[in-house]
Protein backbone atom coordinates (compact mmCIF):
# COMPACT_ATOMS: atom_id res chain seq x y z
CA GLN A 1 83.69 121.25 58.42
CA VAL A 2 85.59 119.72 55.54
CA GLN A 3 85.06 120.51 51.89
CA LEU A 4 86.25 118.36 49.01
CA VAL A 5 86.41 119.55 45.42
CA GLU A 6 87.08 117.15 42.57
CA SER A 7 88.23 118.04 39.08
CA GLY A 8 89.58 116.39 35.97
CA GLY A 9 86.66 114.36 34.70
CA GLY A 10 85.49 114.39 31.11
CA LEU A 11 85.01 112.41 27.94
CA VAL A 12 87.84 110.17 26.80
CA GLN A 13 88.19 107.43 24.22
CA PRO A 14 88.85 103.83 25.22
CA GLU A 15 92.51 103.26 26.12
CA GLY A 16 92.85 106.94 26.91
CA SER A 17 93.92 108.57 30.17
CA LEU A 18 92.53 111.04 32.66
CA ARG A 19 93.86 112.47 35.91
CA LEU A 20 91.40 113.30 38.65
CA SER A 21 92.26 115.69 41.47
CA CYS A 22 90.64 116.21 44.85
CA ALA A 23 91.50 119.09 47.14
CA ALA A 24 90.35 119.15 50.74
CA SER A 25 89.91 122.34 52.72
CA GLY A 26 88.34 123.46 55.96
CA SER A 27 88.91 122.13 59.46
CA ILE A 28 91.75 119.78 58.66
CA PHE A 29 95.02 119.97 60.52
CA SER A 30 96.65 116.68 59.73
CA VAL A 31 96.97 114.07 57.02
CA TYR A 32 93.90 111.87 56.71
CA PRO A 33 92.92 108.77 54.75
CA MET A 34 91.49 109.72 51.39
CA GLY A 35 90.30 107.89 48.34
CA TRP A 36 87.94 107.52 45.44
CA TYR A 37 84.64 105.77 44.91
CA ARG A 38 82.69 105.59 41.70
CA GLN A 39 79.06 105.11 40.82
CA ALA A 40 77.87 104.09 37.41
CA THR A 41 74.32 104.78 36.32
CA GLY A 42 71.92 102.41 38.04
CA LYS A 43 74.64 100.84 40.18
CA GLN A 44 75.88 101.16 43.72
CA ARG A 45 78.80 103.34 44.70
CA THR A 46 81.95 101.21 44.94
CA LEU A 47 85.46 101.78 46.19
CA VAL A 48 88.12 102.38 43.54
CA ALA A 49 91.25 103.21 45.51
CA PHE A 50 92.42 104.76 48.74
CA VAL A 51 95.57 106.03 50.39
CA THR A 52 96.10 105.92 54.12
CA SER A 53 97.57 108.72 56.20
CA GLY A 54 100.81 106.75 56.13
CA GLY A 55 100.84 106.53 52.37
CA MET A 56 99.71 102.93 51.91
CA THR A 57 97.56 102.44 48.82
CA ARG A 58 94.94 99.89 47.88
CA TYR A 59 92.93 99.31 44.70
CA THR A 60 89.91 97.39 43.65
CA ASP A 61 90.90 94.48 41.42
CA SER A 62 89.38 95.86 38.23
CA VAL A 63 91.68 98.90 38.20
CA LYS A 64 94.94 97.38 39.41
CA GLY A 65 97.75 98.10 36.98
CA ARG A 66 95.76 100.85 35.28
CA PHE A 67 94.95 103.39 38.01
CA THR A 68 97.34 105.04 40.43
CA ILE A 69 96.34 107.00 43.50
CA SER A 70 98.76 109.49 45.00
CA ARG A 71 98.74 112.40 47.38
CA ASP A 72 100.58 115.66 47.39
CA THR A 73 103.23 115.31 50.05
CA ALA A 74 104.96 118.58 49.37
CA THR A 75 102.64 121.42 50.21
CA ALA A 76 99.02 120.25 50.13
CA LYS A 77 98.98 116.94 51.92
CA ASN A 78 95.23 116.55 51.73
CA THR A 79 95.14 116.66 47.98
CA VAL A 80 94.86 113.35 46.20
CA TYR A 81 95.09 112.37 42.58
CA LEU A 82 93.83 109.43 40.59
CA GLN A 83 95.77 108.77 37.41
CA MET A 84 93.63 106.59 35.18
CA ASN A 85 95.24 104.89 32.19
CA SER A 86 93.97 102.36 29.66
CA LEU A 87 90.43 103.44 30.37
CA LYS A 88 87.58 101.16 29.44
CA PRO A 89 83.92 101.92 28.81
CA GLU A 90 83.10 100.12 32.06
CA ASP A 91 85.12 102.75 33.94
CA SER A 92 82.47 105.31 33.04
CA ALA A 93 80.95 106.66 36.23
CA VAL A 94 80.74 109.60 38.56
CA TYR A 95 83.91 109.54 40.65
CA TYR A 96 83.63 110.74 44.23
CA CYS A 97 86.50 111.73 46.46
CA TYR A 98 86.27 111.11 50.19
CA LEU A 99 88.22 111.92 53.32
CA THR A 100 87.88 110.21 56.68
CA ARG A 101 88.41 112.20 59.87
CA ASP A 102 87.53 111.12 63.37
CA GLY A 103 85.21 108.43 62.09
CA ILE A 104 83.31 110.78 59.80
CA VAL A 105 83.42 110.42 56.03
CA TYR A 106 83.30 113.59 53.99
CA TRP A 107 82.40 113.48 50.31
CA GLY A 108 82.95 115.62 47.29
CA LYS A 109 80.17 116.27 44.80
CA GLY A 110 81.71 114.04 42.17
CA THR A 111 83.18 114.38 38.72
CA LEU A 112 81.85 112.55 35.67
CA VAL A 113 84.10 110.28 33.65
CA THR A 114 82.78 108.99 30.34
CA VAL A 115 84.79 106.51 28.30
CA SER A 116 83.37 106.22 24.81
CA SER A 117 84.41 106.26 21.19
């Protein structure tokens, strides 16, 4: 089994910044694709960003230039981060980390991000 634990969410003012972290543990013995989805109240869960096992990154258009996904390549290779800058109220959502292994997607429980003045 794989467990994912997110942290770093909270309340921030518009144009502020937050850094989300996601640490994977369990039956993982390699570097796997990981990323972030988000789900706003009353809306579907949508992809925000991901990083492949080779380090390639992709972002949804609405966060390009503001969010940066990265992974720890030093000691904990299945830890990913999402640096979120210039936050907007429409970025408010529960952010979920995921990891893909052998065709199975594992999810964290989510961390709430609220952007409000």
